[in-house]
Protein backbone atom coordinates (compact mmCIF):
# COMPACT_ATOMS: atom_id res chain seq x y z
CA MET A 1 105.54 152.77 176.32
CA ALA A 2 103.49 155.89 175.71
CA ALA A 3 104.90 158.70 173.59
CA VAL A 4 105.30 161.16 175.95
CA GLU A 5 107.46 158.59 178.71
CA ARG A 6 109.48 157.45 175.65
CA VAL A 7 110.47 161.06 175.23
CA ARG A 8 111.07 161.57 178.68
CA ALA A 9 113.43 158.83 178.84
CA GLU A 10 114.82 159.85 175.91
CA ALA A 11 115.95 163.00 177.64
CA ALA A 12 117.20 161.02 180.48
CA LEU A 13 119.41 158.92 178.65
CA ARG A 14 120.80 162.13 176.33
CA GLU A 15 120.72 163.89 180.11
CA SER A 16 123.35 161.20 181.40
CA GLU A 17 125.18 160.70 178.48
CA ARG A 18 126.04 164.47 178.93
CA ARG A 19 127.45 163.98 182.80
CA LEU A 20 129.29 161.01 181.49
CA ARG A 21 131.00 162.54 178.74
CA ASN A 22 131.50 165.56 181.49
CA VAL A 23 133.39 163.48 183.63
CA LEU A 24 135.10 161.35 180.89
CA ASP A 25 136.66 164.80 179.54
CA GLY A 26 137.15 166.62 182.55
CA MET A 27 140.08 163.84 183.12
CA GLY A 28 143.51 164.93 182.94
CA GLU A 29 144.62 161.45 181.55
CA ALA A 30 143.46 159.65 178.39
CA PHE A 31 140.58 157.16 179.45
CA GLY A 32 139.10 154.21 177.10
CA LEU A 33 136.09 152.48 178.09
CA LEU A 34 136.17 148.89 176.24
CA ASP A 35 133.25 146.30 176.77
CA HIS A 36 133.58 142.95 177.36
CA ASP A 37 134.48 141.84 173.86
CA LEU A 38 137.82 144.81 174.50
CA ARG A 39 135.37 146.98 171.93
CA VAL A 40 136.03 150.60 172.08
CA ILE A 41 132.66 151.95 173.83
CA THR A 42 133.98 155.28 173.90
CA LEU A 43 137.17 157.42 174.42
CA ASN A 44 137.98 161.32 176.14
CA GLU A 45 138.78 164.13 174.92
CA THR A 46 142.73 163.30 176.34
CA ALA A 47 142.88 159.86 174.44
CA LEU A 48 141.54 161.19 171.01
CA LYS A 49 144.13 163.96 170.52
CA LEU A 50 147.19 161.06 171.44
CA ASP A 51 144.99 159.14 169.08
CA GLY A 52 144.52 161.86 165.92
CA ARG A 53 141.19 160.25 164.76
CA PRO A 54 137.84 161.04 165.80
CA LEU A 55 135.64 158.63 167.81
CA GLU A 56 133.52 157.96 165.15
CA ASP A 57 136.57 156.37 163.50
CA ILE A 58 137.06 154.39 166.72
CA ARG A 59 133.81 153.55 168.33
CA GLY A 60 132.75 149.52 168.32
CA ARG A 61 135.66 148.39 166.90
CA PRO A 62 137.49 145.86 168.66
CA HIS A 63 140.65 147.79 170.79
CA ARG A 64 142.79 145.13 168.65
CA GLU A 65 141.97 146.03 165.08
CA ILE A 66 142.49 149.78 166.09
CA TYR A 67 146.02 149.41 167.46
CA PRO A 68 147.08 146.80 165.93
CA GLY A 69 150.39 144.91 167.42
CA THR A 70 148.51 145.67 171.08
CA GLU A 71 147.43 142.07 171.96
CA ASP A 72 151.23 141.08 172.57
CA SER A 73 152.36 144.18 174.05
CA GLU A 74 151.76 144.93 178.39
CA MET A 75 148.69 146.33 177.34
CA GLY A 76 147.13 143.86 175.53
CA ARG A 77 148.19 141.30 178.55
CA PHE A 78 146.38 143.90 180.68
CA TYR A 79 143.27 143.65 179.41
CA GLU A 80 143.42 140.14 178.87
CA ARG A 81 144.29 139.34 182.62
CA ALA A 82 141.49 142.17 183.38
CA LEU A 83 138.60 139.94 181.13
CA ALA A 84 140.06 136.58 182.61
CA GLU A 85 140.22 137.70 186.16
CA ARG A 86 136.78 139.57 186.12
CA LYS A 87 137.52 142.41 188.01
CA PRO A 88 138.67 146.18 187.82
CA LEU A 89 142.41 146.67 187.46
CA SER A 90 144.96 149.46 187.01
CA LEU A 91 147.94 150.31 185.28
CA GLU A 92 150.07 153.37 185.77
């Protein structure tokens, strides 16, 4: 990839990340995005305020490590169900 193409691709990625952050942080409820191993990709501002830790302390870590004991909770069972069914689920 040429240097100019790389610079453009990096700028496009930063813009995409900025737009995603604006959407997430504009939500009124706490929201977290997890990967297929239940590692935290990101949390929105509302979720971070509830948690009290900076995103840098949370990002990339497994949910059950960040929130010990949740694997046996309703939320933990919900996450496992979403993974098993491989489809989006909603929890109120």
